[in-house]
Amino acid sequence: MKLLVYSPAFHPRIGGLEINIAHFATEAHRLGCEVAVVTTTENSGSEPFDFPVIRRPSPGELLHWARWCDIFYQANVSLRGLWPLLFVRRPWAVSHHSWYRHEGGRLAWQDRLKRFLLRYAAASIAVSEALAADLKTPTTVIPNPYRDNLFRMLPNIDRARDLVFLGRLVSDKGVDVLVEALGHLADRGLRPGLTIVGDGPEAPRIRDQAERLGVFGQIDMLGIRTDEELVRILNQHRILVVPSRYNEPFGIVALEGIACGCVVVGSRGGGLREAIGPCGRTFPNGDSAQLAAILADLLGHPERYRAYRHLARLHLAEHAGERVTRRYLQTLQATLDERAA
């Protein structure tokens, strides 16, 4: 199978979609597919991939690769990237990693057009049941993988720290909800430590909020950490908190925390609860009081952590990189077989 992966967001940008698509393309190539990636993301360094990555292609280059492939696969519907299929007849497959909605659930004309075009997709794949339910077209659910070659439990690590947050410091990610929950816990006489891993425009406001609530002394803001250093940090903590205000389409960060031995507490909306599965607990989006109640319960009963971790192996097996990639390739191959028949 010659697979053209069209993803405007790609390595070396850091984000769930970028990492996921790079992982998928690498695994598909390893499993025997001929893979090429087309992206608008620039890269000033050398390419770390064993397959072609075409960055910011000209119209002629994009048309060339559309002719080359057996199947034209997009990570999220990209209207700007669809035009080659007006000239080259190739089956169009698309996976959905984000909502086709604007803030507040509003459907802009672009969202309506993307939803309309999906009826012509040869294969439609969503990363969560929540995303699939939001679409009006038949959609296969294949959950996101995590980098199982990186995120894992490490031996001889003292898991002595309480709470950790991992993500961008932007309003959607709800770090302010977590800091407010620390204030509620302080009112109960509980003062757990919180490590914040990540950076973003909300960082100054988070500091001000923590100072105002009298909990800044409990917080360690590390900035961005990646790879083995990040794995070690997660292994040092008992609870990963994912307090997103908005409905996450999925939530790979939950899988990363689970793989490193954390119990995960996350917001309930969207696909995040599917990512957490039986390995943690959920609370209503934005409800800092309920979050504080769950954290107080877990911090007061550490003997319960073992039960959550016991369920992690089977849950993570469904999200192993090779397993997920094989499911994608089976779906795409079935599309080609149906077309041939």
Protein backbone atom coordinates (compact mmCIF):
# COMPACT_ATOMS: atom_id res chain seq x y z
CA MET A 1 0.00 0.00 0.00
CA LYS A 2 1.30 3.44 -0.95
CA LEU A 3 -0.01 5.74 1.77
CA LEU A 4 0.09 9.52 1.49
CA VAL A 5 -0.39 11.15 4.90
CA TYR A 6 -1.52 14.77 4.67
CA SER A 7 -1.15 16.55 8.02
CA PRO A 8 -0.47 20.31 8.21
CA ALA A 9 0.61 19.81 11.85
CA PHE A 10 3.67 17.56 12.12
CA HIS A 11 7.11 17.11 13.66
CA PRO A 12 9.03 19.09 14.93
CA ARG A 13 6.01 20.87 16.42
CA ILE A 14 5.09 19.49 19.85
CA GLY A 15 1.48 18.50 20.41
CA GLY A 16 -0.77 15.47 20.63
CA LEU A 17 -1.67 15.43 16.93
CA GLU A 18 1.88 16.08 15.74
CA ILE A 19 3.35 13.33 17.90
CA ASN A 20 0.55 10.92 17.05
CA ILE A 21 0.86 11.31 13.27
CA ALA A 22 4.66 11.00 13.37
CA HIS A 23 4.26 7.83 15.41
CA PHE A 24 1.63 6.42 13.06
CA ALA A 25 3.67 7.13 9.92
CA THR A 26 6.78 5.58 11.48
CA GLU A 27 4.90 2.45 12.56
CA ALA A 28 3.15 2.08 9.18
CA HIS A 29 6.52 2.32 7.42
CA ARG A 30 8.00 -0.25 9.82
CA LEU A 31 5.10 -2.61 9.12
CA GLY A 32 5.81 -2.55 5.38
CA CYS A 33 3.77 0.33 3.96
CA GLU A 34 5.26 2.79 1.51
CA VAL A 35 4.64 6.06 3.35
CA ALA A 36 5.06 9.71 2.44
CA VAL A 37 4.00 12.66 4.61
CA VAL A 38 2.93 16.04 3.27
CA THR A 39 2.89 18.91 5.76
CA THR A 40 2.98 22.70 5.95
CA THR A 41 5.16 22.54 9.09
CA GLU A 42 8.73 23.68 8.43
CA ASN A 43 11.84 21.99 9.79
CA SER A 44 15.21 23.69 9.93
CA GLY A 45 17.05 20.55 11.02
CA SER A 46 17.65 17.15 9.51
CA GLU A 47 14.76 14.74 9.02
CA PRO A 48 14.65 11.90 11.58
CA PHE A 49 12.40 9.72 9.39
CA ASP A 50 13.09 6.86 6.99
CA PHE A 51 10.31 7.94 4.62
CA PRO A 52 9.82 11.08 2.51
CA VAL A 53 8.50 14.19 4.30
CA ILE A 54 7.40 16.86 1.84
CA ARG A 55 7.21 20.23 3.59
CA ARG A 56 5.26 23.18 2.18
CA PRO A 57 4.88 21.53 -1.25
CA SER A 58 4.13 23.44 -4.41
CA PRO A 59 0.83 22.61 -6.17
CA GLY A 60 2.78 20.51 -8.65
CA GLU A 61 4.52 18.55 -5.91
CA LEU A 62 1.26 17.87 -4.08
CA LEU A 63 -0.36 16.70 -7.31
CA HIS A 64 2.62 14.41 -7.95
CA TRP A 65 2.31 12.70 -4.57
CA ALA A 66 -1.45 12.38 -4.96
CA ARG A 67 -0.82 10.45 -8.19
CA TRP A 68 1.85 8.35 -6.47
CA CYS A 69 -0.33 7.07 -3.64
CA ASP A 70 -2.94 4.31 -3.44
CA ILE A 71 -4.86 6.12 -0.73
CA PHE A 72 -4.96 9.80 0.28
CA TYR A 73 -5.19 9.99 4.06
CA GLN A 74 -5.77 13.18 6.05
CA ALA A 75 -5.33 13.72 9.78
CA ASN A 76 -8.41 15.90 10.29
CA VAL A 77 -10.26 17.29 7.30
CA SER A 78 -8.11 19.94 5.61
CA LEU A 79 -10.08 21.87 3.00
CA ARG A 80 -6.90 23.39 1.54
CA GLY A 81 -5.38 19.96 1.07
CA LEU A 82 -8.29 18.30 -0.73
CA TRP A 83 -8.06 19.94 -4.13
CA PRO A 84 -5.76 17.27 -5.74
CA LEU A 85 -8.65 14.80 -5.50
CA LEU A 86 -10.51 16.93 -8.05
CA PHE A 87 -7.91 15.83 -10.61
CA VAL A 88 -6.68 12.47 -9.31
CA ARG A 89 -9.12 9.69 -8.43
CA ARG A 90 -7.87 8.22 -5.18
CA PRO A 91 -9.86 7.01 -2.17
CA TRP A 92 -9.93 9.64 0.55
CA ALA A 93 -9.59 8.51 4.17
CA VAL A 94 -9.66 10.85 7.13
CA SER A 95 -9.13 10.46 10.87
CA HIS A 96 -10.72 12.90 13.29
CA HIS A 97 -8.62 14.18 16.18
CA SER A 98 -10.47 17.44 16.84
CA TRP A 99 -14.03 18.74 16.93
CA TYR A 100 -15.46 20.31 13.79
CA ARG A 101 -17.01 23.00 15.93
CA HIS A 102 -16.02 26.42 17.18
CA GLU A 103 -16.09 27.69 20.76
CA GLY A 104 -19.41 27.14 22.47
CA GLY A 105 -20.40 24.43 20.00
CA ARG A 106 -21.05 26.87 17.15
CA LEU A 107 -20.85 25.44 13.63
CA ALA A 108 -19.08 27.84 11.26
CA TRP A 109 -19.40 27.41 7.50
CA GLN A 110 -16.05 25.59 7.40
CA ASP A 111 -17.33 23.08 9.98
CA ARG A 112 -20.53 22.52 8.04
CA LEU A 113 -18.59 22.00 4.81
CA LYS A 114 -16.21 19.50 6.42
CA ARG A 115 -19.14 17.54 7.84
CA PHE A 116 -20.85 17.55 4.46
CA LEU A 117 -17.74 16.33 2.63
CA LEU A 118 -17.38 13.35 4.97
CA ARG A 119 -20.18 11.58 3.12
CA TYR A 120 -17.67 11.19 0.26
CA ALA A 121 -14.88 9.77 2.43
CA ALA A 122 -13.94 6.17 1.71
CA ALA A 123 -12.99 5.75 5.37
CA SER A 124 -13.86 7.89 8.40
CA ILE A 125 -12.02 7.17 11.66
CA ALA A 126 -12.53 8.92 15.01
CA VAL A 127 -10.16 8.70 17.98
CA SER A 128 -13.01 8.47 20.50
CA GLU A 129 -16.64 7.46 20.79
CA ALA A 130 -17.41 11.04 21.78
CA LEU A 131 -16.00 12.39 18.50
CA ALA A 132 -17.74 9.73 16.44
CA ALA A 133 -21.09 10.54 18.07
CA ASP A 134 -20.72 14.18 17.06
CA LEU A 135 -20.45 13.29 13.37
CA LYS A 136 -23.44 12.44 11.19
CA THR A 137 -21.60 9.97 8.94
CA PRO A 138 -20.72 6.32 9.68
CA THR A 139 -17.39 6.39 11.51
CA THR A 140 -15.03 3.73 12.83
CA VAL A 141 -13.58 4.36 16.29
CA ILE A 142 -9.87 3.62 16.70
CA PRO A 143 -8.50 5.18 19.91
CA ASN A 144 -5.26 7.08 20.00
CA PRO A 145 -2.02 5.29 20.83
CA TYR A 146 0.66 6.48 23.20
CA ARG A 147 4.41 6.12 22.79
CA ASP A 148 4.75 2.81 24.57
CA ASN A 149 8.45 2.66 23.74
CA LEU A 150 8.96 5.76 25.95
CA PHE A 151 6.29 6.05 28.64
CA ARG A 152 6.67 3.24 31.17
CA MET A 153 7.22 2.55 34.85
CA LEU A 154 10.84 2.89 35.90
CA PRO A 155 12.51 0.73 38.56
CA ASN A 156 13.96 2.19 41.75
CA ILE A 157 12.05 5.49 41.55
CA ASP A 158 10.70 6.93 44.80
CA ARG A 159 7.06 7.87 44.05
CA ALA A 160 7.03 10.46 46.84
CA ARG A 161 5.32 13.42 45.16
CA ASP A 162 1.59 14.09 45.12
CA LEU A 163 0.06 15.82 42.08
CA VAL A 164 1.36 16.56 38.60
CA PHE A 165 -0.11 18.48 35.67
CA LEU A 166 1.29 18.06 32.15
CA GLY A 167 0.24 20.29 29.26
CA ARG A 168 0.13 23.74 27.72
CA LEU A 169 -0.69 26.59 30.10
CA VAL A 170 -3.70 27.88 28.20
CA SER A 171 -7.21 28.54 29.48
CA ASP A 172 -8.75 25.44 27.86
CA LYS A 173 -6.47 23.13 29.84
CA GLY A 174 -7.96 24.29 33.14
CA VAL A 175 -4.85 24.71 35.29
CA ASP A 176 -6.76 27.44 37.13
CA VAL A 177 -9.39 24.83 38.09
CA LEU A 178 -6.65 22.70 39.63
CA VAL A 179 -5.14 25.66 41.52
CA GLU A 180 -8.60 26.57 42.82
CA ALA A 181 -8.99 22.96 43.97
CA LEU A 182 -5.74 23.37 45.94
CA GLY A 183 -7.43 26.28 47.70
CA HIS A 184 -10.38 24.07 48.62
CA LEU A 185 -8.01 21.41 49.93
CA ALA A 186 -6.16 24.00 52.02
CA ASP A 187 -9.47 24.91 53.66
CA ARG A 188 -9.66 21.24 54.73
CA GLY A 189 -6.15 21.33 56.11
CA LEU A 190 -4.68 19.41 53.15
CA ARG A 191 -1.67 20.86 51.36
CA PRO A 192 -0.44 18.42 48.67
CA GLY A 193 2.41 19.43 46.42
CA LEU A 194 1.70 20.14 42.75
CA THR A 195 4.22 19.94 39.92
CA ILE A 196 3.27 21.83 36.76
CA VAL A 197 5.07 20.63 33.61
CA GLY A 198 4.51 22.90 30.62
CA ASP A 199 4.46 26.53 29.62
CA GLY A 200 2.15 28.99 27.95
CA PRO A 201 0.48 32.40 28.13
CA GLU A 202 -1.51 31.55 31.27
CA ALA A 203 1.63 31.05 33.41
CA PRO A 204 1.65 34.57 34.98
CA ARG A 205 -2.07 34.36 35.80
CA ILE A 206 -1.59 30.93 37.40
CA ARG A 207 1.15 32.35 39.62
CA ASP A 208 -1.03 35.29 40.63
CA GLN A 209 -3.99 33.01 41.39
CA ALA A 210 -1.82 30.69 43.50
CA GLU A 211 -0.40 33.64 45.46
CA ARG A 212 -3.90 34.99 46.09
CA LEU A 213 -5.13 31.60 47.36
CA GLY A 214 -2.04 31.09 49.50
CA VAL A 215 -0.96 27.88 47.74
CA PHE A 216 1.97 29.10 45.63
CA GLY A 217 4.45 27.55 48.05
CA GLN A 218 3.03 24.12 47.21
CA ILE A 219 3.60 24.51 43.45
CA ASP A 220 6.72 23.70 41.47
CA MET A 221 6.54 25.12 37.93
CA LEU A 222 9.11 23.23 35.85
CA GLY A 223 8.39 24.56 32.37
CA ILE A 224 8.63 22.22 29.40
CA ARG A 225 10.15 18.78 29.92
CA THR A 226 10.28 15.98 27.34
CA ASP A 227 11.35 12.41 26.69
CA GLU A 228 13.20 10.51 29.43
CA GLU A 229 13.24 13.48 31.80
CA LEU A 230 9.45 13.71 31.53
CA VAL A 231 9.06 9.96 32.09
CA ARG A 232 11.14 10.20 35.27
CA ILE A 233 9.04 13.12 36.54
CA LEU A 234 5.77 11.24 35.99
CA ASN A 235 7.20 8.19 37.77
CA GLN A 236 7.87 10.36 40.84
CA HIS A 237 4.19 11.30 41.23
CA ARG A 238 1.11 9.50 42.52
CA ILE A 239 -1.70 11.40 40.74
CA LEU A 240 -1.82 13.02 37.31
CA VAL A 241 -4.55 15.68 37.04
CA VAL A 242 -6.04 16.57 33.64
CA PRO A 243 -8.52 19.37 34.50
CA SER A 244 -9.48 20.53 30.99
CA ARG A 245 -12.28 23.09 30.86
CA TYR A 246 -13.26 22.10 27.35
CA ASN A 247 -14.25 18.67 26.08
CA GLU A 248 -11.03 16.96 25.06
CA PRO A 249 -11.39 14.92 21.84
CA PHE A 250 -9.32 12.20 23.53
CA GLY A 251 -6.39 12.87 25.89
CA ILE A 252 -3.12 11.05 25.19
CA VAL A 253 -1.61 12.65 28.29
CA ALA A 254 -3.83 10.38 30.41
CA LEU A 255 -2.32 7.29 28.77
CA GLU A 256 1.19 8.64 29.35
CA GLY A 257 0.46 9.14 33.04
CA ILE A 258 -1.14 5.70 33.41
CA ALA A 259 1.85 4.05 31.71
CA CYS A 260 4.15 5.76 34.22
CA GLY A 261 2.14 4.46 37.18
CA CYS A 262 -0.01 7.51 37.97
CA VAL A 263 -3.66 7.39 38.95
CA VAL A 264 -5.40 9.87 36.64
CA VAL A 265 -8.08 12.35 37.67
CA GLY A 266 -9.57 14.19 34.70
CA SER A 267 -12.56 16.14 33.49
CA ARG A 268 -15.50 14.12 32.29
CA GLY A 269 -16.54 15.76 29.01
CA GLY A 270 -15.58 14.55 25.55
CA GLY A 271 -13.21 11.65 25.01
CA LEU A 272 -10.94 12.14 28.03
CA ARG A 273 -12.88 9.70 30.17
CA GLU A 274 -12.32 7.06 27.46
CA ALA A 275 -8.58 7.68 27.68
CA ILE A 276 -8.67 7.38 31.48
CA GLY A 277 -10.83 4.27 31.37
CA PRO A 278 -10.76 2.24 34.61
CA CYS A 279 -7.44 3.74 35.68
CA GLY A 280 -8.70 6.82 37.47
CA ARG A 281 -11.66 9.06 38.23
CA THR A 282 -13.48 11.92 36.54
CA PHE A 283 -15.28 15.10 37.60
CA PRO A 284 -17.54 17.61 35.79
CA ASN A 285 -15.58 20.06 33.64
CA GLY A 286 -14.67 23.20 35.57
CA ASP A 287 -15.92 21.93 38.95
CA SER A 288 -13.01 22.68 41.27
CA ALA A 289 -14.96 21.67 44.40
CA GLN A 290 -15.66 18.19 43.01
CA LEU A 291 -12.05 17.88 41.88
CA ALA A 292 -10.90 18.78 45.40
CA ALA A 293 -13.24 16.16 46.90
CA ILE A 294 -11.83 13.41 44.64
CA LEU A 295 -8.24 14.43 45.37
CA ALA A 296 -8.91 14.50 49.11
CA ASP A 297 -10.37 10.99 48.92
CA LEU A 298 -7.42 9.62 46.92
CA LEU A 299 -4.79 11.38 49.04
CA GLY A 300 -6.44 9.99 52.17
CA HIS A 301 -6.59 6.42 50.85
CA PRO A 302 -3.30 5.64 49.07
CA GLU A 303 -4.04 1.92 49.38
CA ARG A 304 -6.53 2.37 46.49
CA TYR A 305 -3.81 3.29 43.99
CA ARG A 306 -2.84 -0.35 43.57
CA ALA A 307 -6.33 -1.26 42.29
CA TYR A 308 -6.20 1.41 39.58
CA ARG A 309 -2.69 0.40 38.54
CA HIS A 310 -3.74 -3.25 38.37
CA LEU A 311 -6.20 -2.35 35.59
CA ALA A 312 -3.61 -0.40 33.61
CA ARG A 313 -2.05 -3.26 31.65
CA LEU A 314 -5.21 -4.31 29.80
CA HIS A 315 -6.28 -0.71 29.24
CA LEU A 316 -2.91 0.31 27.81
CA ALA A 317 -2.79 -2.77 25.56
CA GLU A 318 -5.67 -1.30 23.54
CA HIS A 319 -3.55 1.79 22.92
CA ALA A 320 -0.20 0.20 22.06
CA GLY A 321 1.36 1.82 18.99
CA GLU A 322 1.62 -1.28 16.82
CA ARG A 323 -1.89 -2.49 17.68
CA VAL A 324 -3.47 0.87 16.80
CA THR A 325 -1.45 1.21 13.59
CA ARG A 326 -2.48 -2.29 12.47
CA ARG A 327 -6.12 -1.37 13.03
CA TYR A 328 -5.67 1.74 10.87
CA LEU A 329 -3.95 -0.22 8.12
CA GLN A 330 -6.64 -2.91 8.17
CA THR A 331 -9.31 -0.24 7.77
CA LEU A 332 -7.44 1.45 4.93
CA GLN A 333 -6.72 -1.87 3.19
CA ALA A 334 -10.39 -2.81 3.44
CA THR A 335 -11.17 0.46 1.66
CA LEU A 336 -8.82 -0.43 -1.17
CA ASP A 337 -10.18 -3.99 -1.41
CA GLU A 338 -13.74 -2.68 -1.60
CA ARG A 339 -12.75 -0.24 -4.32
CA ALA A 340 -11.02 -3.02 -6.30
CA ALA A 341 -14.05 -5.29 -5.98
